[in-house]
PDB file of N, CA and C in Angstrom:
ATOM      1  N   MET A   1      21.311 -21.307  -0.897  1.00  0.00           N
ATOM      2  CA  MET A   1      21.545 -19.887  -0.761  1.00  0.00           C
ATOM      3  C   MET A   1      20.326 -19.257  -0.111  1.00  0.00           C
ATOM      4  N   PHE A   2      20.546 -18.402   0.878  1.00  0.00           N
ATOM      5  CA  PHE A   2      19.473 -17.720   1.578  1.00  0.00           C
ATOM      6  C   PHE A   2      19.536 -16.237   1.277  1.00  0.00           C
ATOM      7  N   LEU A   3      18.377 -15.661   1.018  1.00  0.00           N
ATOM      8  CA  LEU A   3      18.284 -14.222   0.818  1.00  0.00           C
ATOM      9  C   LEU A   3      17.589 -13.619   2.023  1.00  0.00           C
ATOM     10  N   ILE A   4      18.145 -12.581   2.561  1.00  0.00           N
ATOM     11  CA  ILE A   4      17.516 -11.893   3.675  1.00  0.00           C
ATOM     12  C   ILE A   4      16.824 -10.666   3.113  1.00  0.00           C
ATOM     13  N   CYS A   5      15.516 -10.633   3.263  1.00  0.00           N
ATOM     14  CA  CYS A   5      14.730  -9.528   2.733  1.00  0.00           C
ATOM     15  C   CYS A   5      14.246  -8.656   3.884  1.00  0.00           C
ATOM     16  N   PRO A   6      14.178  -7.356   3.668  1.00  0.00           N
ATOM     17  CA  PRO A   6      13.652  -6.498   4.718  1.00  0.00           C
ATOM     18  C   PRO A   6      12.163  -6.773   4.923  1.00  0.00           C
ATOM     19  N   ALA A   7      11.652  -6.395   6.087  1.00  0.00           N
ATOM     20  CA  ALA A   7      10.231  -6.606   6.390  1.00  0.00           C
ATOM     21  C   ALA A   7       9.349  -5.654   5.605  1.00  0.00           C
ATOM     22  N   SER A   8       9.956  -4.639   4.983  1.00  0.00           N
ATOM     23  CA  SER A   8       9.170  -3.719   4.170  1.00  0.00           C
ATOM     24  C   SER A   8      10.036  -3.142   3.052  1.00  0.00           C
ATOM     25  N   ALA A   9       9.373  -2.682   2.006  1.00  0.00           N
ATOM     26  CA  ALA A   9      10.054  -2.052   0.875  1.00  0.00           C
ATOM     27  C   ALA A   9       9.111  -1.039   0.253  1.00  0.00           C
ATOM     28  N   GLN A  10       9.691  -0.024  -0.383  1.00  0.00           N
ATOM     29  CA  GLN A  10       8.869   1.023  -0.978  1.00  0.00           C
ATOM     30  C   GLN A  10       9.516   1.516  -2.259  1.00  0.00           C
ATOM     31  N   VAL A  11       8.687   1.815  -3.261  1.00  0.00           N
ATOM     32  CA  VAL A  11       9.171   2.382  -4.515  1.00  0.00           C
ATOM     33  C   VAL A  11       8.149   3.420  -4.982  1.00  0.00           C
ATOM     34  N   GLU A  12       8.651   4.495  -5.588  1.00  0.00           N
ATOM     35  CA  GLU A  12       7.761   5.532  -6.118  1.00  0.00           C
ATOM     36  C   GLU A  12       8.299   5.993  -7.458  1.00  0.00           C
ATOM     37  N   VAL A  13       7.403   6.190  -8.415  1.00  0.00           N
ATOM     38  CA  VAL A  13       7.794   6.677  -9.736  1.00  0.00           C
ATOM     39  C   VAL A  13       6.871   7.818 -10.143  1.00  0.00           C
ATOM     40  N   THR A  14       7.411   8.710 -10.948  1.00  0.00           N
ATOM     41  CA  THR A  14       6.605   9.787 -11.515  1.00  0.00           C
ATOM     42  C   THR A  14       6.279   9.426 -12.949  1.00  0.00           C
ATOM     43  N   VAL A  15       5.010   9.491 -13.276  1.00  0.00           N
ATOM     44  CA  VAL A  15       4.547   9.220 -14.631  1.00  0.00           C
ATOM     45  C   VAL A  15       4.302  10.580 -15.283  1.00  0.00           C
ATOM     46  N   PRO A  16       5.116  10.976 -16.261  1.00  0.00           N
ATOM     47  CA  PRO A  16       4.992  12.299 -16.857  1.00  0.00           C
ATOM     48  C   PRO A  16       3.569  12.586 -17.355  1.00  0.00           C
ATOM     49  N   GLY A  17       3.072  13.739 -16.956  1.00  0.00           N
ATOM     50  CA  GLY A  17       1.740  14.155 -17.378  1.00  0.00           C
ATOM     51  C   GLY A  17       0.600  13.527 -16.601  1.00  0.00           C
ATOM     52  N   GLN A  18       0.890  12.615 -15.678  1.00  0.00           N
ATOM     53  CA  GLN A  18      -0.171  11.928 -14.940  1.00  0.00           C
ATOM     54  C   GLN A  18      -0.086  12.159 -13.429  1.00  0.00           C
ATOM     55  N   GLY A  19       1.079  11.935 -12.845  1.00  0.00           N
ATOM     56  CA  GLY A  19       1.240  12.078 -11.408  1.00  0.00           C
ATOM     57  C   GLY A  19       2.261  11.094 -10.871  1.00  0.00           C
ATOM     58  N   ARG A  20       2.142  10.784  -9.575  1.00  0.00           N
ATOM     59  CA  ARG A  20       3.091   9.866  -8.931  1.00  0.00           C
ATOM     60  C   ARG A  20       2.379   8.603  -8.487  1.00  0.00           C
ATOM     61  N   VAL A  21       3.051   7.479  -8.681  1.00  0.00           N
ATOM     62  CA  VAL A  21       2.539   6.175  -8.275  1.00  0.00           C
ATOM     63  C   VAL A  21       3.556   5.573  -7.310  1.00  0.00           C
ATOM     64  N   GLY A  22       3.062   5.057  -6.207  1.00  0.00           N
ATOM     65  CA  GLY A  22       3.947   4.443  -5.229  1.00  0.00           C
ATOM     66  C   GLY A  22       3.425   3.096  -4.786  1.00  0.00           C
ATOM     67  N   THR A  23       4.330   2.216  -4.410  1.00  0.00           N
ATOM     68  CA  THR A  23       3.966   0.898  -3.891  1.00  0.00           C
ATOM     69  C   THR A  23       4.763   0.647  -2.618  1.00  0.00           C
ATOM     70  N   THR A  24       4.058   0.219  -1.587  1.00  0.00           N
ATOM     71  CA  THR A  24       4.688  -0.157  -0.328  1.00  0.00           C
ATOM     72  C   THR A  24       4.326  -1.596  -0.040  1.00  0.00           C
ATOM     73  N   VAL A  25       5.323  -2.397   0.303  1.00  0.00           N
ATOM     74  CA  VAL A  25       5.121  -3.812   0.616  1.00  0.00           C
ATOM     75  C   VAL A  25       5.652  -4.051   2.017  1.00  0.00           C
ATOM     76  N   LYS A  26       4.859  -4.724   2.851  1.00  0.00           N
ATOM     77  CA  LYS A  26       5.342  -5.059   4.191  1.00  0.00           C
ATOM     78  C   LYS A  26       4.783  -6.399   4.635  1.00  0.00           C
ATOM     79  N   VAL A  27       5.546  -7.055   5.489  1.00  0.00           N
ATOM     80  CA  VAL A  27       5.144  -8.337   6.055  1.00  0.00           C
ATOM     81  C   VAL A  27       5.080  -8.158   7.563  1.00  0.00           C
ATOM     82  N   GLU A  28       3.919  -8.464   8.124  1.00  0.00           N
ATOM     83  CA  GLU A  28       3.737  -8.393   9.568  1.00  0.00           C
ATOM     84  C   GLU A  28       3.002  -9.641  10.027  1.00  0.00           C
ATOM     85  N   ASN A  29       3.591 -10.332  10.973  1.00  0.00           N
ATOM     86  CA  ASN A  29       2.995 -11.551  11.523  1.00  0.00           C
ATOM     87  C   ASN A  29       2.626 -12.556  10.433  1.00  0.00           C
ATOM     88  N   GLY A  30       3.452 -12.667   9.408  1.00  0.00           N
ATOM     89  CA  GLY A  30       3.233 -13.634   8.345  1.00  0.00           C
ATOM     90  C   GLY A  30       2.206 -13.226   7.304  1.00  0.00           C
ATOM     91  N   VAL A  31       1.683 -11.999   7.389  1.00  0.00           N
ATOM     92  CA  VAL A  31       0.697 -11.510   6.424  1.00  0.00           C
ATOM     93  C   VAL A  31       1.374 -10.475   5.535  1.00  0.00           C
ATOM     94  N   LEU A  32       1.251 -10.672   4.226  1.00  0.00           N
ATOM     95  CA  LEU A  32       1.812  -9.746   3.253  1.00  0.00           C
ATOM     96  C   LEU A  32       0.788  -8.663   2.966  1.00  0.00           C
ATOM     97  N   GLY A  33       1.190  -7.409   3.090  1.00  0.00           N
ATOM     98  CA  GLY A  33       0.322  -6.279   2.770  1.00  0.00           C
ATOM     99  C   GLY A  33       0.965  -5.427   1.690  1.00  0.00           C
ATOM    100  N   ILE A  34       0.206  -5.090   0.664  1.00  0.00           N
ATOM    101  CA  ILE A  34       0.703  -4.260  -0.429  1.00  0.00           C
ATOM    102  C   ILE A  34      -0.232  -3.072  -0.593  1.00  0.00           C
ATOM    103  N   THR A  35       0.347  -1.876  -0.585  1.00  0.00           N
ATOM    104  CA  THR A  35      -0.429  -0.651  -0.772  1.00  0.00           C
ATOM    105  C   THR A  35       0.073   0.066  -2.010  1.00  0.00           C
ATOM    106  N   ASN A  36      -0.846   0.407  -2.903  1.00  0.00           N
ATOM    107  CA  ASN A  36      -0.528   1.222  -4.069  1.00  0.00           C
ATOM    108  C   ASN A  36      -1.185   2.579  -3.886  1.00  0.00           C
ATOM    109  N   THR A  37      -0.439   3.643  -4.185  1.00  0.00           N
ATOM    110  CA  THR A  37      -0.985   4.990  -4.071  1.00  0.00           C
ATOM    111  C   THR A  37      -0.831   5.710  -5.401  1.00  0.00           C
ATOM    112  N   PHE A  38      -1.770   6.587  -5.674  1.00  0.00           N
ATOM    113  CA  PHE A  38      -1.718   7.389  -6.888  1.00  0.00           C
ATOM    114  C   PHE A  38      -2.058   8.823  -6.509  1.00  0.00           C
ATOM    115  N   LEU A  39      -1.155   9.745  -6.818  1.00  0.00           N
ATOM    116  CA  LEU A  39      -1.389  11.168  -6.608  1.00  0.00           C
ATOM    117  C   LEU A  39      -1.419  11.817  -7.981  1.00  0.00           C
ATOM    118  N   ARG A  40      -2.604  12.225  -8.388  1.00  0.00           N
ATOM    119  CA  ARG A  40      -2.755  12.831  -9.710  1.00  0.00           C
ATOM    120  C   ARG A  40      -1.936  14.115  -9.794  1.00  0.00           C
ATOM    121  N   GLN A  41      -1.594  14.517 -10.994  1.00  0.00           N
ATOM    122  CA  GLN A  41      -0.692  15.629 -11.209  1.00  0.00           C
ATOM    123  C   GLN A  41      -1.156  16.916 -10.523  1.00  0.00           C
ATOM    124  N   ARG A  42      -2.427  17.217 -10.555  1.00  0.00           N
ATOM    125  CA  ARG A  42      -2.928  18.463  -9.972  1.00  0.00           C
ATOM    126  C   ARG A  42      -3.897  18.217  -8.828  1.00  0.00           C
ATOM    127  N   ALA A  43      -3.686  17.148  -8.108  1.00  0.00           N
ATOM    128  CA  ALA A  43      -4.588  16.810  -7.001  1.00  0.00           C
ATOM    129  C   ALA A  43      -3.840  16.911  -5.679  1.00  0.00           C
ATOM    130  N   PHE A  44      -4.608  16.992  -4.598  1.00  0.00           N
ATOM    131  CA  PHE A  44      -4.017  17.063  -3.269  1.00  0.00           C
ATOM    132  C   PHE A  44      -4.286  15.805  -2.453  1.00  0.00           C
ATOM    133  N   ALA A  45      -5.153  14.950  -2.955  1.00  0.00           N
ATOM    134  CA  ALA A  45      -5.490  13.719  -2.232  1.00  0.00           C
ATOM    135  C   ALA A  45      -4.858  12.516  -2.923  1.00  0.00           C
ATOM    136  N   LYS A  46      -4.366  11.592  -2.114  1.00  0.00           N
ATOM    137  CA  LYS A  46      -3.820  10.345  -2.633  1.00  0.00           C
ATOM    138  C   LYS A  46      -4.931   9.304  -2.685  1.00  0.00           C
ATOM    139  N   GLU A  47      -4.997   8.592  -3.791  1.00  0.00           N
ATOM    140  CA  GLU A  47      -5.925   7.477  -3.908  1.00  0.00           C
ATOM    141  C   GLU A  47      -5.167   6.220  -3.512  1.00  0.00           C
ATOM    142  N   CYS A  48      -5.750   5.439  -2.608  1.00  0.00           N
ATOM    143  CA  CYS A  48      -5.058   4.304  -2.015  1.00  0.00           C
ATOM    144  C   CYS A  48      -5.794   3.000  -2.323  1.00  0.00           C
ATOM    145  N   VAL A  49      -5.038   1.982  -2.680  1.00  0.00           N
ATOM    146  CA  VAL A  49      -5.572   0.642  -2.899  1.00  0.00           C
ATOM    147  C   VAL A  49      -4.656  -0.327  -2.171  1.00  0.00           C
ATOM    148  N   GLY A  50      -5.230  -1.112  -1.268  1.00  0.00           N
ATOM    149  CA  GLY A  50      -4.418  -2.041  -0.502  1.00  0.00           C
ATOM    150  C   GLY A  50      -4.934  -3.464  -0.617  1.00  0.00           C
ATOM    151  N   ALA A  51      -4.036  -4.408  -0.454  1.00  0.00           N
ATOM    152  CA  ALA A  51      -4.405  -5.822  -0.454  1.00  0.00           C
ATOM    153  C   ALA A  51      -3.645  -6.523   0.667  1.00  0.00           C
ATOM    154  N   CYS A  52      -4.374  -7.355   1.403  1.00  0.00           N
ATOM    155  CA  CYS A  52      -3.777  -8.181   2.448  1.00  0.00           C
ATOM    156  C   CYS A  52      -3.854  -9.630   1.984  1.00  0.00           C
ATOM    157  N   PHE A  53      -2.714 -10.297   1.978  1.00  0.00           N
ATOM    158  CA  PHE A  53      -2.630 -11.681   1.532  1.00  0.00           C
ATOM    159  C   PHE A  53      -2.509 -12.575   2.766  1.00  0.00           C
ATOM    160  N   TYR A  54      -3.669 -13.036   3.249  1.00  0.00           N
ATOM    161  CA  TYR A  54      -3.721 -13.925   4.402  1.00  0.00           C
ATOM    162  C   TYR A  54      -3.407 -15.354   3.957  1.00  0.00           C
ATOM    163  N   ALA A  55      -3.292 -16.273   4.884  1.00  0.00           N
ATOM    164  CA  ALA A  55      -2.937 -17.659   4.552  1.00  0.00           C
ATOM    165  C   ALA A  55      -3.933 -18.299   3.589  1.00  0.00           C
ATOM    166  N   ASN A  56      -5.227 -18.019   3.762  1.00  0.00           N
ATOM    167  CA  ASN A  56      -6.243 -18.690   2.945  1.00  0.00           C
ATOM    168  C   ASN A  56      -7.066 -17.761   2.065  1.00  0.00           C
ATOM    169  N   SER A  57      -6.765 -16.474   2.080  1.00  0.00           N
ATOM    170  CA  SER A  57      -7.570 -15.549   1.283  1.00  0.00           C
ATOM    171  C   SER A  57      -6.812 -14.249   1.037  1.00  0.00           C
ATOM    172  N   THR A  58      -7.328 -13.493   0.088  1.00  0.00           N
ATOM    173  CA  THR A  58      -6.826 -12.154  -0.202  1.00  0.00           C
ATOM    174  C   THR A  58      -7.982 -11.192  -0.082  1.00  0.00           C
ATOM    175  N   LYS A  59      -7.771 -10.092   0.641  1.00  0.00           N
ATOM    176  CA  LYS A  59      -8.833  -9.097   0.818  1.00  0.00           C
ATOM    177  C   LYS A  59      -8.275  -7.734   0.457  1.00  0.00           C
ATOM    178  N   THR A  60      -9.121  -6.903  -0.163  1.00  0.00           N
ATOM    179  CA  THR A  60      -8.686  -5.594  -0.632  1.00  0.00           C
ATOM    180  C   THR A  60      -9.468  -4.471   0.036  1.00  0.00           C
ATOM    181  N   LYS A  61      -8.897  -3.274  -0.062  1.00  0.00           N
ATOM    182  CA  LYS A  61      -9.505  -2.082   0.520  1.00  0.00           C
ATOM    183  C   LYS A  61      -9.094  -0.884  -0.317  1.00  0.00           C
ATOM    184  N   THR A  62     -10.012   0.047  -0.570  1.00  0.00           N
ATOM    185  CA  THR A  62      -9.677   1.307  -1.241  1.00  0.00           C
ATOM    186  C   THR A  62     -10.105   2.465  -0.347  1.00  0.00           C
ATOM    187  N   TRP A  63      -9.313   3.564  -0.347  1.00  0.00           N
ATOM    188  CA  TRP A  63      -9.635   4.737   0.449  1.00  0.00           C
ATOM    189  C   TRP A  63      -8.830   5.922  -0.086  1.00  0.00           C
ATOM    190  N   VAL A  64      -9.094   7.105   0.467  1.00  0.00           N
ATOM    191  CA  VAL A  64      -8.432   8.334   0.027  1.00  0.00           C
ATOM    192  C   VAL A  64      -7.802   9.009   1.239  1.00  0.00           C
ATOM    193  N   CYS A  65      -6.576   9.526   1.067  1.00  0.00           N
ATOM    194  CA  CYS A  65      -5.886  10.281   2.112  1.00  0.00           C
ATOM    195  C   CYS A  65      -5.628  11.694   1.607  1.00  0.00           C
ATOM    196  N   ARG A  66      -6.000  12.674   2.391  1.00  0.00           N
ATOM    197  CA  ARG A  66      -5.844  14.067   1.965  1.00  0.00           C
ATOM    198  C   ARG A  66      -4.476  14.649   2.287  1.00  0.00           C
ATOM    199  N   ASP A  67      -4.015  14.537   3.516  1.00  0.00           N
ATOM    200  CA  ASP A  67      -2.794  15.236   3.912  1.00  0.00           C
ATOM    201  C   ASP A  67      -1.690  14.330   4.440  1.00  0.00           C
ATOM    202  N   SER A  68      -1.817  13.042   4.243  1.00  0.00           N
ATOM    203  CA  SER A  68      -0.784  12.149   4.768  1.00  0.00           C
ATOM    204  C   SER A  68      -0.666  10.910   3.887  1.00  0.00           C
ATOM    205  N   ASP A  69       0.230  10.031   4.286  1.00  0.00           N
ATOM    206  CA  ASP A  69       0.473   8.813   3.520  1.00  0.00           C
ATOM    207  C   ASP A  69      -0.619   7.775   3.752  1.00  0.00           C
ATOM    208  N   CYS A  70      -0.741   6.867   2.824  1.00  0.00           N
ATOM    209  CA  CYS A  70      -1.692   5.759   2.929  1.00  0.00           C
ATOM    210  C   CYS A  70      -1.073   4.659   3.796  1.00  0.00           C
ATOM    211  N   ASN A  71      -1.810   4.198   4.776  1.00  0.00           N
ATOM    212  CA  ASN A  71      -1.340   3.123   5.652  1.00  0.00           C
ATOM    213  C   ASN A  71      -2.335   1.977   5.636  1.00  0.00           C
ATOM    214  N   LEU A  72      -1.838   0.770   5.519  1.00  0.00           N
ATOM    215  CA  LEU A  72      -2.682  -0.420   5.476  1.00  0.00           C
ATOM    216  C   LEU A  72      -2.379  -1.280   6.694  1.00  0.00           C
ATOM    217  N   ASP A  73      -3.431  -1.691   7.391  1.00  0.00           N
ATOM    218  CA  ASP A  73      -3.303  -2.570   8.560  1.00  0.00           C
ATOM    219  C   ASP A  73      -3.932  -3.908   8.223  1.00  0.00           C
ATOM    220  N   CYS A  74      -3.138  -4.961   8.220  1.00  0.00           N
ATOM    221  CA  CYS A  74      -3.616  -6.306   7.893  1.00  0.00           C
ATOM    222  C   CYS A  74      -3.723  -7.201   9.133  1.00  0.00           C
ATOM    223  N   SER A  75      -3.713  -6.613  10.326  1.00  0.00           N
ATOM    224  CA  SER A  75      -3.661  -7.417  11.548  1.00  0.00           C
ATOM    225  C   SER A  75      -5.000  -8.060  11.914  1.00  0.00           C
ATOM    226  N   GLY A  76      -6.104  -7.561  11.369  1.00  0.00           N
ATOM    227  CA  GLY A  76      -7.418  -8.140  11.668  1.00  0.00           C
ATOM    228  C   GLY A  76      -7.895  -9.047  10.565  1.00  0.00           C
ATOM    229  N   ARG A  77      -9.170  -9.410  10.633  1.00  0.00           N
ATOM    230  CA  ARG A  77      -9.760 -10.270   9.584  1.00  0.00           C
ATOM    231  C   ARG A  77      -9.974  -9.531   8.283  1.00  0.00           C
ATOM    232  N   GLU A  78     -10.160  -8.225   8.365  1.00  0.00           N
ATOM    233  CA  GLU A  78     -10.368  -7.388   7.191  1.00  0.00           C
ATOM    234  C   GLU A  78      -9.291  -6.310   7.154  1.00  0.00           C
ATOM    235  N   PRO A  79      -8.852  -5.908   5.975  1.00  0.00           N
ATOM    236  CA  PRO A  79      -7.876  -4.823   5.877  1.00  0.00           C
ATOM    237  C   PRO A  79      -8.482  -3.509   6.359  1.00  0.00           C
ATOM    238  N   VAL A  80      -7.658  -2.681   6.986  1.00  0.00           N
ATOM    239  CA  VAL A  80      -8.095  -1.368   7.441  1.00  0.00           C
ATOM    240  C   VAL A  80      -7.167  -0.337   6.812  1.00  0.00           C
ATOM    241  N   GLY A  81      -7.755   0.591   6.065  1.00  0.00           N
ATOM    242  CA  GLY A  81      -6.977   1.651   5.453  1.00  0.00           C
ATOM    243  C   GLY A  81      -7.004   2.880   6.316  1.00  0.00           C
ATOM    244  N   GLY A  82      -5.875   3.522   6.442  1.00  0.00           N
ATOM    245  CA  GLY A  82      -5.780   4.728   7.250  1.00  0.00           C
ATOM    246  C   GLY A  82      -4.829   5.724   6.628  1.00  0.00           C
ATOM    247  N   CYS A  83      -4.812   6.910   7.231  1.00  0.00           N
ATOM    248  CA  CYS A  83      -3.948   7.992   6.729  1.00  0.00           C
ATOM    249  C   CYS A  83      -3.032   8.472   7.830  1.00  0.00           C
TER     250      CYS A  83
END
């Protein structure tokens, strides 16, 4: 049996009294990238944590986005976080 999975997926949940947590998963050129975002209940900036799962290693990156979504680029040797 074969399962066909999309190249990306996203889920977001609201944690009462805390804020919103989101996870984005994508596969590009055989590299798995996972981005977790946290928007505190009374904050305007998203806190971003990303991980790139390369063939022989895993590398992480943290950054903050003020007015846009968190984007993770795993195409280089090191993860690059952007907004």
